[in-house]
N, C-alpha and C. Protein backbone atom coordinates (compact mmCIF):
# COMPACT_ATOMS: atom_id res chain seq x y z
N GLN A 1 136.10 84.48 83.75
CA GLN A 1 134.96 84.64 84.24
C GLN A 1 134.39 86.21 85.15
N HIS A 2 136.09 86.65 85.03
CA HIS A 2 136.10 88.68 85.79
C HIS A 2 135.46 88.77 84.54
N GLN A 3 135.98 89.07 83.25
CA GLN A 3 135.66 89.56 81.93
C GLN A 3 134.05 89.20 81.82
N GLN A 4 133.83 88.21 82.52
CA GLN A 4 132.09 88.70 81.76
C GLN A 4 131.38 88.44 83.04
N ARG A 5 131.81 89.27 84.81
CA ARG A 5 131.47 89.94 85.29
C ARG A 5 130.17 88.74 86.20
N ASN A 6 130.73 87.18 86.35
CA ASN A 6 130.00 86.63 87.08
C ASN A 6 130.26 86.39 88.58
N ALA A 7 129.47 86.46 89.06
CA ALA A 7 129.70 87.29 90.22
C ALA A 7 129.47 85.76 91.42
N HIS A 8 128.66 85.12 90.31
CA HIS A 8 127.75 83.98 91.50
C HIS A 8 129.08 82.70 91.12
N TYR A 9 130.00 83.17 90.04
CA TYR A 9 130.70 81.99 89.70
C TYR A 9 132.28 82.70 90.59
N PHE A 10 132.40 83.25 91.51
CA PHE A 10 133.14 83.80 92.39
C PHE A 10 132.88 83.21 93.81
N ALA A 11 131.81 83.99 93.91
CA ALA A 11 131.17 83.67 94.91
C ALA A 11 130.91 81.77 95.29
N GLU A 12 130.81 81.12 94.52
CA GLU A 12 131.50 79.64 94.49
C GLU A 12 132.41 79.34 95.08
N HIS A 13 133.39 79.63 94.36
CA HIS A 13 134.61 78.84 93.89
C HIS A 13 136.02 79.85 95.02
N LEU A 14 135.28 80.92 95.75
CA LEU A 14 135.90 81.73 96.80
C LEU A 14 135.08 81.28 98.14
N PRO A 15 136.49 81.26 99.25
CA PRO A 15 136.13 80.62 100.21
C PRO A 15 134.33 82.29 101.14
N PRO A 16 133.42 82.02 101.89
CA PRO A 16 133.18 82.94 102.47
C PRO A 16 133.97 83.97 102.82
N ARG A 17 134.92 84.11 103.40
CA ARG A 17 135.58 84.98 104.64
C ARG A 17 136.16 85.49 103.03
N GLU A 18 136.26 85.56 102.05
CA GLU A 18 137.46 86.64 101.16
C GLU A 18 136.24 86.69 99.77
N HIS A 19 134.37 86.91 100.04
CA HIS A 19 133.73 87.20 99.60
C HIS A 19 134.38 89.23 99.70
N TRP A 20 134.29 89.55 100.36
CA TRP A 20 134.35 91.07 100.38
C TRP A 20 135.31 91.44 99.14
N ARG A 21 135.95 91.13 98.79
CA ARG A 21 137.01 91.15 97.37
C ARG A 21 136.13 91.29 96.02
N LEU A 22 135.07 90.91 96.04
CA LEU A 22 133.71 91.11 95.01
C LEU A 22 133.36 92.38 94.47
N PHE A 23 133.69 93.06 96.01
CA PHE A 23 133.02 94.76 96.14
C PHE A 23 132.89 95.82 94.88
N PRO A 24 134.79 95.91 94.52
CA PRO A 24 134.74 96.76 93.00
C PRO A 24 134.06 96.46 92.17
N ASP A 25 134.58 95.43 91.86
CA ASP A 25 133.96 94.81 90.64
C ASP A 25 132.53 94.92 90.33
N PHE A 26 131.34 94.87 91.39
CA PHE A 26 129.98 94.83 90.55
C PHE A 26 129.30 95.41 91.63
N THR A 27 129.97 97.32 91.99
CA THR A 27 130.00 98.26 91.97
C THR A 27 128.23 98.84 91.42
N HIS A 28 128.46 98.01 89.76
CA HIS A 28 127.42 98.45 88.76
C HIS A 28 126.15 97.50 89.06
N SER A 29 126.36 96.66 90.09
CA SER A 29 125.33 95.72 90.24
C SER A 29 124.84 94.55 91.58
N ILE A 30 125.48 95.85 92.44
CA ILE A 30 124.92 95.67 94.32
C ILE A 30 123.85 96.19 94.49
N ALA A 31 123.31 95.10 95.52
CA ALA A 31 121.61 95.80 96.10
C ALA A 31 122.22 95.50 97.87
N TYR A 32 122.08 96.78 98.16
CA TYR A 32 122.02 96.69 99.62
C TYR A 32 120.41 95.94 100.42
N LEU A 33 120.65 95.34 101.27
CA LEU A 33 119.25 94.75 102.06
C LEU A 33 119.18 94.88 102.80
N ASP A 34 117.95 95.10 103.70
CA ASP A 34 117.44 94.89 105.42
C ASP A 34 115.76 94.76 105.02
N ILE A 35 115.59 94.14 106.47
CA ILE A 35 114.12 93.42 105.98
C ILE A 35 114.08 93.80 107.81
N GLU A 36 112.65 94.05 107.84
CA GLU A 36 112.18 94.18 109.17
C GLU A 36 111.48 93.13 109.33
N THR A 37 110.72 92.71 110.47
CA THR A 37 109.83 91.52 110.52
C THR A 37 108.63 91.80 111.17
N THR A 38 107.93 90.24 111.85
CA THR A 38 107.55 90.94 113.47
C THR A 38 107.58 90.24 114.16
N GLY A 39 108.89 89.56 114.56
CA GLY A 39 109.71 87.96 114.99
C GLY A 39 110.35 87.72 114.73
N LEU A 40 111.23 86.73 115.04
CA LEU A 40 112.20 86.39 115.02
C LEU A 40 111.83 84.98 113.90
N GLY A 41 110.80 84.31 113.49
CA GLY A 41 110.90 83.45 112.75
C GLY A 41 109.97 82.47 113.26
N GLY A 42 109.45 83.04 114.14
CA GLY A 42 107.68 81.73 114.70
C GLY A 42 107.08 81.58 113.74
N PHE A 43 105.92 80.58 113.73
CA PHE A 43 105.34 79.93 113.00
C PHE A 43 104.19 81.30 112.64
N ASP A 44 103.65 81.86 112.99
CA ASP A 44 102.65 83.50 112.84
C ASP A 44 103.49 84.68 111.64
N ASP A 45 105.09 84.57 112.51
CA ASP A 45 105.81 85.85 111.82
C ASP A 45 105.44 86.16 110.05
N HIS A 46 105.95 87.35 109.41
CA HIS A 46 106.54 87.55 108.77
C HIS A 46 107.14 88.61 108.30
N VAL A 47 107.55 88.90 107.27
CA VAL A 47 108.25 90.34 106.47
C VAL A 47 107.04 91.38 106.09
N THR A 48 107.29 92.37 107.15
CA THR A 48 106.58 93.80 107.04
C THR A 48 107.32 94.77 106.39
N THR A 49 108.27 94.75 105.89
CA THR A 49 109.48 96.19 105.01
C THR A 49 110.99 95.18 104.75
N ILE A 50 110.85 96.01 103.45
CA ILE A 50 112.19 95.57 103.18
C ILE A 50 112.76 96.96 102.22
N ALA A 51 113.99 96.99 102.73
CA ALA A 51 114.76 98.15 101.97
C ALA A 51 115.46 97.76 100.69
N MET A 52 116.02 98.14 100.06
CA MET A 52 116.68 98.15 98.70
C MET A 52 117.46 99.26 98.55
N TYR A 53 118.70 99.31 98.69
CA TYR A 53 119.85 100.40 97.63
C TYR A 53 120.52 99.87 96.67
N ASN A 54 120.91 100.69 95.90
CA ASN A 54 121.81 99.97 94.58
C ASN A 54 122.53 100.76 94.74
N GLY A 55 123.17 101.62 95.64
CA GLY A 55 124.34 102.84 95.39
C GLY A 55 123.56 104.26 94.85
N GLU A 56 122.36 104.48 94.47
CA GLU A 56 121.96 105.74 93.36
C GLU A 56 120.28 105.50 93.90
N HIS A 57 119.25 104.29 93.90
CA HIS A 57 118.14 104.55 94.24
C HIS A 57 117.74 103.48 95.11
N VAL A 58 116.71 104.34 96.22
CA VAL A 58 116.38 103.73 97.13
C VAL A 58 114.88 102.57 96.81
N ARG A 59 114.67 101.38 96.82
CA ARG A 59 113.44 101.21 96.85
C ARG A 59 112.95 100.13 98.22
N TYR A 60 111.27 100.10 97.65
CA TYR A 60 111.48 99.77 99.28
C TYR A 60 109.83 98.87 99.62
N TYR A 61 109.28 98.35 100.18
CA TYR A 61 108.83 97.27 99.65
C TYR A 61 107.60 96.97 101.52
N VAL A 62 106.65 97.07 100.80
CA VAL A 62 105.65 96.58 102.19
C VAL A 62 104.59 95.89 102.08
N HIS A 63 104.38 94.74 103.54
CA HIS A 63 103.59 93.33 103.23
C HIS A 63 102.09 93.67 103.32
N GLY A 64 101.67 93.24 102.22
CA GLY A 64 100.93 94.04 101.74
C GLY A 64 100.23 94.89 100.66
N VAL A 65 100.58 95.51 100.28
CA VAL A 65 101.37 96.35 99.57
C VAL A 65 101.79 96.24 97.87
N ASN A 66 103.28 95.86 98.48
CA ASN A 66 104.51 95.78 96.93
C ASN A 66 105.05 94.67 97.12
N ILE A 67 104.67 93.81 98.25
CA ILE A 67 106.41 92.90 98.71
C ILE A 67 106.32 91.58 97.21
N ASP A 68 105.24 91.59 97.03
CA ASP A 68 105.88 90.21 96.11
C ASP A 68 106.37 91.00 94.84
N GLN A 69 106.85 92.19 94.76
CA GLN A 69 107.75 92.90 93.46
C GLN A 69 108.84 92.63 94.05
N PHE A 70 109.30 92.42 95.47
CA PHE A 70 110.74 92.33 95.56
C PHE A 70 111.47 91.53 94.94
N GLU A 71 111.08 90.34 94.74
CA GLU A 71 111.59 89.18 94.23
C GLU A 71 112.01 88.85 92.74
N ILE A 72 111.33 89.92 92.12
CA ILE A 72 111.04 90.57 90.93
C ILE A 72 112.55 91.26 90.35
N ASP A 73 112.29 92.59 91.40
CA ASP A 73 113.47 93.43 91.21
C ASP A 73 115.15 93.11 91.91
N VAL A 74 114.98 92.04 92.90
CA VAL A 74 116.62 91.61 93.94
C VAL A 74 117.35 90.39 92.55
N ALA A 75 116.25 90.13 91.84
CA ALA A 75 116.73 89.30 90.72
C ALA A 75 117.63 89.75 89.81
N LYS A 76 117.65 91.50 89.64
CA LYS A 76 118.58 92.64 88.62
C LYS A 76 119.61 92.12 88.85
N TYR A 77 120.17 91.60 90.22
CA TYR A 77 121.71 92.10 91.01
C TYR A 77 122.45 91.02 90.79
N ASP A 78 123.45 91.54 90.79
CA ASP A 78 124.26 89.78 90.76
C ASP A 78 125.22 89.66 92.25
N LEU A 79 125.20 90.85 93.02
CA LEU A 79 125.86 90.93 94.52
C LEU A 79 125.21 91.50 95.43
N ILE A 80 124.29 91.22 96.75
CA ILE A 80 123.87 91.59 97.24
C ILE A 80 124.88 92.01 99.05
N VAL A 81 124.41 92.90 99.83
CA VAL A 81 125.39 93.36 101.19
C VAL A 81 123.86 93.42 101.71
N THR A 82 124.09 92.67 102.88
CA THR A 82 123.77 91.91 103.69
C THR A 82 124.50 92.25 105.59
N PHE A 83 124.06 93.04 106.67
CA PHE A 83 124.09 92.47 107.93
C PHE A 83 123.57 91.51 109.09
N ASN A 84 124.58 91.02 108.66
CA ASN A 84 123.38 89.26 109.51
C ASN A 84 122.71 88.82 108.62
N GLY A 85 122.63 89.08 107.30
CA GLY A 85 121.76 88.80 106.18
C GLY A 85 122.11 86.70 106.21
N LYS A 86 123.02 86.58 106.03
CA LYS A 86 123.40 84.69 105.78
C LYS A 86 122.49 84.05 107.07
N SER A 87 122.13 84.96 108.20
CA SER A 87 122.28 84.03 109.67
C SER A 87 120.50 84.35 109.34
N PHE A 88 119.87 85.76 109.48
CA PHE A 88 118.51 86.29 109.37
C PHE A 88 117.57 86.70 107.88
N ASP A 89 118.58 87.74 107.12
CA ASP A 89 117.56 88.09 106.44
C ASP A 89 117.22 86.91 105.25
N VAL A 90 118.14 86.46 104.51
CA VAL A 90 118.00 85.50 103.50
C VAL A 90 117.04 84.16 104.01
N PRO A 91 117.24 83.48 105.31
CA PRO A 91 116.71 82.72 105.04
C PRO A 91 115.25 82.73 105.90
N PHE A 92 114.89 84.28 106.32
CA PHE A 92 113.59 84.83 106.66
C PHE A 92 113.24 84.66 105.16
N LEU A 93 113.79 85.42 104.22
CA LEU A 93 113.00 86.09 102.77
C LEU A 93 112.39 84.59 102.07
N ARG A 94 113.63 83.72 102.25
CA ARG A 94 113.46 82.39 101.70
C ARG A 94 111.73 81.25 102.73
N LYS A 95 112.09 81.83 103.59
CA LYS A 95 111.39 80.73 104.09
C LYS A 95 109.78 81.19 104.53
N PHE A 96 109.56 82.90 104.16
CA PHE A 96 108.32 83.12 104.33
C PHE A 96 108.01 84.16 103.01
N LEU A 97 108.64 84.58 102.69
CA LEU A 97 108.41 85.04 101.00
C LEU A 97 108.37 83.51 99.78
N ARG A 98 108.87 82.71 100.88
CA ARG A 98 109.45 82.19 98.91
C ARG A 98 110.20 82.24 98.04
N VAL A 99 111.64 83.51 98.77
CA VAL A 99 112.57 83.80 97.62
C VAL A 99 113.41 83.44 97.78
N ASP A 100 114.40 83.09 97.07
CA ASP A 100 115.60 81.95 97.02
C ASP A 100 116.26 83.18 95.78
N ILE A 101 117.01 84.14 96.72
CA ILE A 101 118.02 84.78 96.00
C ILE A 101 119.58 83.93 95.62
N ASP A 102 119.30 84.39 94.45
CA ASP A 102 120.77 83.36 93.78
C ASP A 102 121.95 84.65 93.54
N ALA A 103 122.04 85.16 93.93
CA ALA A 103 122.91 86.67 93.86
C ALA A 103 124.06 86.12 94.65
N ALA A 104 125.55 86.17 94.24
CA ALA A 104 126.31 86.35 95.62
C ALA A 104 125.77 87.06 96.30
N HIS A 105 126.60 87.09 98.09
CA HIS A 105 126.06 87.69 98.99
C HIS A 105 127.51 88.43 99.87
N ILE A 106 127.35 88.86 100.38
CA ILE A 106 128.85 89.80 101.12
C ILE A 106 127.95 89.97 102.61
N ASP A 107 127.98 89.34 103.62
CA ASP A 107 127.35 89.39 104.61
C ASP A 107 128.56 90.64 105.46
N LEU A 108 128.14 91.97 105.52
CA LEU A 108 129.09 92.72 106.32
C LEU A 108 129.50 92.44 107.18
N MET A 109 128.27 92.23 108.53
CA MET A 109 128.72 91.79 109.43
C MET A 109 130.18 91.15 110.26
N HIS A 110 130.07 89.82 109.31
CA HIS A 110 131.65 89.00 109.24
C HIS A 110 132.94 89.79 108.76
N VAL A 111 132.70 90.44 107.59
CA VAL A 111 134.17 91.41 107.08
C VAL A 111 134.62 92.42 107.82
N LEU A 112 133.54 93.05 108.78
CA LEU A 112 133.39 94.30 110.04
C LEU A 112 134.21 93.59 111.03
N ARG A 113 133.68 92.81 111.71
CA ARG A 113 134.29 91.99 112.64
C ARG A 113 135.51 91.51 112.48
N SER A 114 136.37 91.10 111.10
CA SER A 114 137.30 90.52 111.11
C SER A 114 138.37 91.78 110.87
N VAL A 115 137.74 93.02 110.72
CA VAL A 115 138.80 94.41 110.71
C VAL A 115 138.47 95.07 112.10
N GLY A 116 138.30 94.47 113.17
CA GLY A 116 138.19 94.75 114.49
C GLY A 116 136.45 95.89 115.09
N MET A 117 135.81 95.56 113.73
CA MET A 117 134.50 96.39 114.25
C MET A 117 133.06 95.36 114.80
N LYS A 118 133.05 95.64 115.79
CA LYS A 118 132.22 94.69 116.46
C LYS A 118 130.87 95.46 117.52
N GLY A 119 129.87 94.36 117.12
CA GLY A 119 128.91 94.98 117.34
C GLY A 119 127.63 94.93 117.18
N GLY A 120 126.69 95.30 117.02
CA GLY A 120 125.56 95.74 116.09
C GLY A 120 125.82 96.78 115.67
N LEU A 121 124.97 96.90 114.17
CA LEU A 121 125.02 97.77 113.28
C LEU A 121 124.76 99.11 114.10
N LYS A 122 123.93 99.88 114.71
CA LYS A 122 123.58 100.86 114.84
C LYS A 122 124.98 101.25 115.83
N ALA A 123 125.75 100.16 116.68
CA ALA A 123 127.23 100.19 117.05
C ALA A 123 128.22 100.68 116.85
N ILE A 124 128.19 99.99 115.29
CA ILE A 124 129.27 100.21 114.74
C ILE A 124 129.39 101.51 113.49
N GLU A 125 128.00 101.58 113.53
CA GLU A 125 127.59 103.18 112.82
C GLU A 125 128.04 104.40 113.91
N HIS A 126 127.82 104.28 114.87
CA HIS A 126 128.59 105.01 115.82
C HIS A 126 129.98 105.40 116.23
N GLN A 127 130.80 104.04 115.71
CA GLN A 127 131.86 104.13 116.10
C GLN A 127 132.71 104.34 115.09
N VAL A 128 132.09 104.64 113.91
CA VAL A 128 132.70 105.72 112.40
C VAL A 128 132.23 106.67 112.37
N GLY A 129 131.08 107.41 113.08
CA GLY A 129 130.15 108.89 112.73
C GLY A 129 129.79 108.74 111.76
N LEU A 130 128.51 107.56 112.31
CA LEU A 130 127.38 107.58 110.97
C LEU A 130 126.21 107.01 111.73
N GLY A 131 126.13 107.85 112.98
CA GLY A 131 125.07 107.74 114.27
C GLY A 131 124.30 108.54 113.70
N ARG A 132 122.88 107.70 113.81
CA ARG A 132 121.49 108.24 113.27
C ARG A 132 120.79 108.85 114.43
N THR A 133 121.15 110.18 114.86
CA THR A 133 120.28 111.07 116.15
C THR A 133 119.05 111.27 116.13
N ASP A 134 118.47 111.00 115.06
CA ASP A 134 116.87 111.37 115.14
C ASP A 134 116.47 109.59 115.24
N MET A 135 117.26 109.16 115.23
CA MET A 135 116.03 106.90 115.74
C MET A 135 117.55 106.77 116.28
N ALA A 136 117.85 107.09 117.12
CA ALA A 136 119.03 106.38 117.93
C ALA A 136 118.37 105.61 119.02
N ASP A 137 116.83 105.74 119.36
CA ASP A 137 116.17 105.30 120.42
C ASP A 137 115.39 104.31 119.39
N ILE A 138 115.71 103.78 118.07
CA ILE A 138 114.69 103.06 117.61
C ILE A 138 115.18 101.64 117.46
N ASP A 139 115.32 100.41 117.65
CA ASP A 139 115.95 99.44 117.29
C ASP A 139 114.95 97.96 116.93
N GLY A 140 114.93 97.25 116.43
CA GLY A 140 114.21 96.23 115.97
C GLY A 140 113.12 95.78 116.64
N TYR A 141 113.17 95.71 117.56
CA TYR A 141 111.71 95.34 118.83
C TYR A 141 110.73 96.50 118.52
N PHE A 142 111.29 98.25 118.50
CA PHE A 142 110.55 99.10 118.23
C PHE A 142 109.69 98.87 117.12
N ALA A 143 110.64 98.38 116.16
CA ALA A 143 110.26 98.34 114.29
C ALA A 143 109.05 97.22 114.80
N VAL A 144 108.86 96.28 115.60
CA VAL A 144 107.55 95.13 115.58
C VAL A 144 106.66 96.61 115.94
N ILE A 145 106.44 96.97 116.76
CA ILE A 145 105.71 97.95 117.77
C ILE A 145 104.96 98.66 116.55
N LEU A 146 106.26 99.39 115.93
CA LEU A 146 105.44 100.76 114.83
C LEU A 146 104.73 99.44 113.50
N TRP A 147 104.96 98.81 113.31
CA TRP A 147 104.71 97.80 112.37
C TRP A 147 102.64 97.35 112.62
N ARG A 148 103.20 96.69 114.11
CA ARG A 148 101.71 97.00 115.13
C ARG A 148 100.70 97.83 114.71
N GLU A 149 101.31 99.53 115.11
CA GLU A 149 100.75 100.14 115.27
C GLU A 149 99.80 100.67 113.90
N TYR A 150 101.05 100.54 113.03
CA TYR A 150 99.88 101.09 111.89
C TYR A 150 98.89 100.01 111.11
N GLN A 151 99.20 98.47 111.73
CA GLN A 151 98.27 97.69 111.09
C GLN A 151 97.16 98.24 112.19
N ARG A 152 97.37 98.79 112.94
CA ARG A 152 96.09 98.99 114.06
C ARG A 152 95.69 100.44 113.45
N THR A 153 96.33 101.30 113.06
CA THR A 153 95.93 103.18 112.73
C THR A 153 95.64 103.14 111.21
N ARG A 154 96.72 103.03 110.06
CA ARG A 154 96.80 103.35 109.74
C ARG A 154 97.28 104.50 108.88
N ASP A 155 98.10 104.99 110.16
CA ASP A 155 98.33 106.23 110.16
C ASP A 155 99.75 106.41 109.34
N GLN A 156 99.48 107.08 107.91
CA GLN A 156 101.22 107.10 107.01
C GLN A 156 102.32 107.67 108.15
N HIS A 157 102.68 109.04 109.01
CA HIS A 157 103.71 108.96 109.37
C HIS A 157 104.12 107.63 110.52
N THR A 158 103.32 106.32 110.82
CA THR A 158 103.88 105.76 111.23
C THR A 158 104.82 104.64 110.16
N LEU A 159 103.97 104.64 109.66
CA LEU A 159 104.80 103.80 108.31
C LEU A 159 105.68 104.20 108.14
N GLU A 160 105.81 106.04 107.49
CA GLU A 160 107.23 106.56 107.42
C GLU A 160 108.15 106.44 108.10
N THR A 161 107.85 105.76 109.40
CA THR A 161 108.99 105.92 110.44
C THR A 161 109.58 104.72 110.76
N LEU A 162 108.89 103.71 110.35
CA LEU A 162 109.06 102.37 110.26
C LEU A 162 110.18 102.35 108.89
N LEU A 163 109.73 102.88 108.03
CA LEU A 163 110.84 102.79 106.76
C LEU A 163 111.92 103.70 106.67
N ALA A 164 111.99 104.73 107.96
CA ALA A 164 113.50 105.47 107.73
C ALA A 164 113.87 104.88 108.33
N TYR A 165 113.83 104.33 109.13
CA TYR A 165 114.30 102.86 110.02
C TYR A 165 115.05 101.90 109.42
N ASN A 166 114.41 101.52 108.68
CA ASN A 166 114.52 99.99 107.53
C ASN A 166 115.52 100.95 106.43
N VAL A 167 115.18 101.82 106.13
CA VAL A 167 116.44 102.34 105.08
C VAL A 167 117.37 102.67 105.87
N GLN A 168 117.81 103.02 106.69
CA GLN A 168 118.76 103.98 107.39
C GLN A 168 119.64 102.44 106.97
N ASP A 169 119.16 101.96 107.50
CA ASP A 169 120.37 100.08 107.77
C ASP A 169 120.83 100.15 106.40
N VAL A 170 120.25 99.93 105.35
CA VAL A 170 121.01 100.12 103.93
C VAL A 170 121.63 101.00 103.19
N LEU A 171 121.46 102.28 103.83
CA LEU A 171 122.24 103.48 103.25
C LEU A 171 123.65 103.34 103.66
N ALA A 172 123.55 102.47 105.25
CA ALA A 172 124.51 102.87 106.22
C ALA A 172 125.64 101.96 105.62
N LEU A 173 125.19 100.75 104.92
CA LEU A 173 125.98 99.53 104.56
C LEU A 173 126.81 99.84 103.44
N GLU A 174 126.45 101.01 102.39
CA GLU A 174 127.46 101.07 101.29
C GLU A 174 128.67 101.80 101.93
N PRO A 175 128.81 102.92 102.89
CA PRO A 175 130.14 103.31 103.21
C PRO A 175 130.91 102.48 104.09
N LEU A 176 129.93 101.96 105.21
CA LEU A 176 130.63 100.25 105.53
C LEU A 176 131.92 99.71 105.13
N LEU A 177 130.76 98.74 104.08
CA LEU A 177 131.39 98.20 103.28
C LEU A 177 133.06 98.51 102.54
N ALA A 178 132.52 100.07 102.06
CA ALA A 178 133.42 100.55 101.39
C ALA A 178 135.06 100.73 102.53
N MET A 179 134.72 101.00 103.74
CA MET A 179 135.97 101.34 104.99
C MET A 179 136.32 99.84 104.79
N ALA A 180 135.77 98.54 104.84
CA ALA A 180 135.64 97.57 105.36
C ALA A 180 136.69 96.89 104.25
N TYR A 181 136.53 97.19 103.00
CA TYR A 181 137.20 96.79 102.25
C TYR A 181 138.67 97.09 102.16
N ASN A 182 138.64 98.46 102.09
CA ASN A 182 140.17 99.29 102.37
C ASN A 182 140.29 98.87 103.68
N ALA A 183 139.72 98.71 105.02
CA ALA A 183 140.80 98.09 106.04
C ALA A 183 141.48 96.37 105.83
N LYS A 184 140.37 95.58 105.30
CA LYS A 184 141.22 94.61 104.61
C LYS A 184 142.30 94.24 103.37
N LEU A 185 142.65 95.67 103.00
CA LEU A 185 143.45 96.10 101.64
C LEU A 185 144.89 96.60 102.63
N ARG A 186 144.52 96.74 103.77
CA ARG A 186 145.95 96.89 104.63
C ARG A 186 146.76 96.00 105.12
N ASP A 187 146.00 94.33 104.99
CA ASP A 187 146.81 93.76 104.81
C ASP A 187 147.63 92.63 103.69
N THR A 188 147.32 93.56 102.46
CA THR A 188 147.87 92.89 101.22
C THR A 188 148.88 94.26 100.91
N PRO A 189 149.55 93.84 99.62
CA PRO A 189 150.57 94.94 99.49
C PRO A 189 149.58 95.80 98.01
N PHE A 190 148.82 95.71 98.13
CA PHE A 190 147.78 96.08 96.97
C PHE A 190 147.53 97.57 97.72
N GLU A 191 147.51 98.34 99.06
CA GLU A 191 146.72 99.01 99.44
C GLU A 191 146.66 100.19 97.96
N ASP A 192 147.59 100.84 98.62
CA ASP A 192 147.91 102.03 97.54
C ASP A 192 146.57 101.75 96.37
N GLU A 193 146.97 100.91 95.13
CA GLU A 193 146.52 100.91 94.18
C GLU A 193 145.08 100.21 94.25
N LEU A 194 143.91 99.69 95.46
CA LEU A 194 143.23 99.27 95.02
C LEU A 194 142.17 99.72 95.67
N ALA A 195 142.45 100.94 96.93
CA ALA A 195 141.70 101.14 97.85
C ALA A 195 140.45 101.80 96.98
N VAL A 196 139.40 102.32 97.68
CA VAL A 196 138.31 102.83 97.01
C VAL A 196 138.10 104.38 98.28
N ARG A 197 136.96 104.66 97.30
CA ARG A 197 136.70 105.63 98.17
C ARG A 197 135.24 105.95 98.78
N VAL A 198 135.29 106.08 100.18
CA VAL A 198 134.05 106.10 101.13
C VAL A 198 133.25 106.84 101.03
N PRO A 199 131.95 106.42 100.21
CA PRO A 199 131.18 107.66 99.51
C PRO A 199 130.13 107.97 100.88
N SER A 200 129.98 109.23 100.75
CA SER A 200 129.03 109.51 102.08
C SER A 200 127.76 109.38 101.90
N LEU A 201 127.05 109.05 102.88
CA LEU A 201 126.14 108.21 103.68
C LEU A 201 125.07 109.63 102.66
N THR A 202 124.09 108.38 101.88
CA THR A 202 122.73 109.46 101.33
C THR A 202 122.00 109.90 102.18
N ASP A 203 121.11 110.53 101.91
CA ASP A 203 119.97 111.28 102.44
C ASP A 203 119.03 110.27 102.44
N ASN A 204 118.34 109.82 103.54
CA ASN A 204 117.04 109.42 103.82
C ASN A 204 116.22 109.55 103.07
N PRO A 205 115.13 109.29 102.08
CA PRO A 205 114.32 109.80 101.66
C PRO A 205 113.14 109.90 102.84
N PHE A 206 112.67 109.30 104.19
CA PHE A 206 111.89 109.00 104.74
C PHE A 206 112.39 109.77 106.39
N THR A 207 111.17 109.86 107.00
CA THR A 207 111.28 110.77 108.37
C THR A 207 111.10 110.29 108.97
N ALA A 208 111.49 109.78 110.42
CA ALA A 208 111.62 109.38 111.08
C ALA A 208 110.30 110.19 112.29
N HIS A 209 109.45 110.39 112.22
CA HIS A 209 108.26 111.54 113.13
C HIS A 209 108.85 111.12 114.89
N ARG A 210 109.38 112.21 115.16
CA ARG A 210 109.29 112.12 116.73
C ARG A 210 107.96 111.99 117.67
N ASP A 211 106.85 112.74 117.09
CA ASP A 211 105.52 112.57 117.89
C ASP A 211 105.56 111.07 118.26
N VAL A 212 105.63 109.99 116.56
CA VAL A 212 104.95 108.56 117.13
C VAL A 212 105.75 108.00 117.63
N VAL A 213 107.28 108.27 117.76
CA VAL A 213 108.76 107.75 118.77
C VAL A 213 107.69 108.07 120.09
N GLU A 214 107.67 108.70 120.51
CA GLU A 214 107.31 109.10 121.66
C GLU A 214 105.88 108.84 122.42
N ARG A 215 105.08 109.19 121.26
CA ARG A 215 103.90 108.83 121.74
C ARG A 215 103.58 106.90 121.84
N LEU A 216 104.16 106.04 120.88
CA LEU A 216 104.44 104.75 121.82
C LEU A 216 105.62 104.67 122.99
N ARG A 217 106.32 105.63 123.11
CA ARG A 217 107.31 104.97 123.97
C ARG A 217 106.24 105.30 125.54
N GLY A 218 105.65 106.61 125.20
CA GLY A 218 104.70 106.65 126.35
C GLY A 218 105.28 107.84 126.84
N TRP A 219 106.48 108.88 126.19
CA TRP A 219 107.04 110.16 126.49
C TRP A 219 105.62 111.25 127.13
């Protein structure tokens, strides 16, 4: 199964706390995922944007534009990586988009907690020097405000600000996973042999427009 690169097989036979071990063997077929929504899963809620990064290219999906393409694209990958995605992103996608992701899944939140990195994604980014200075005041709640404003005005700078926030989440997952993987290896005899290079944070193709943020915050 290892020679056949069958990530699903190992995900089924390894306990979830050991799924981090899949990382280096499936970097050729990995998708870092994050979604934004209108809420936490109420009857009227839906996915607004999805960001997906494969280590080279960013793809993004917008409600009412191209979100149906996501199911086709994500099916190409053997391994997905999220932050708290087992509890939120994947169940939300299954419930509201009818997307059933069959790939193996590393929920990085739990891996990071196991090596002492606790808190939300932005807090952990700050701990390791990946802080997003231009988006420090944007959070999940504000992402809902950005979507509502975009729906009201169709202003492209508003949508781009939302996408910048969404995409930054997936870009941060790649170096954080490499850091967590190396930290887990310190508990084994194989640290020197198997440690991976921590990649630099990839540039975000979108811009968070400060005038949009400040206007919506009433500054």
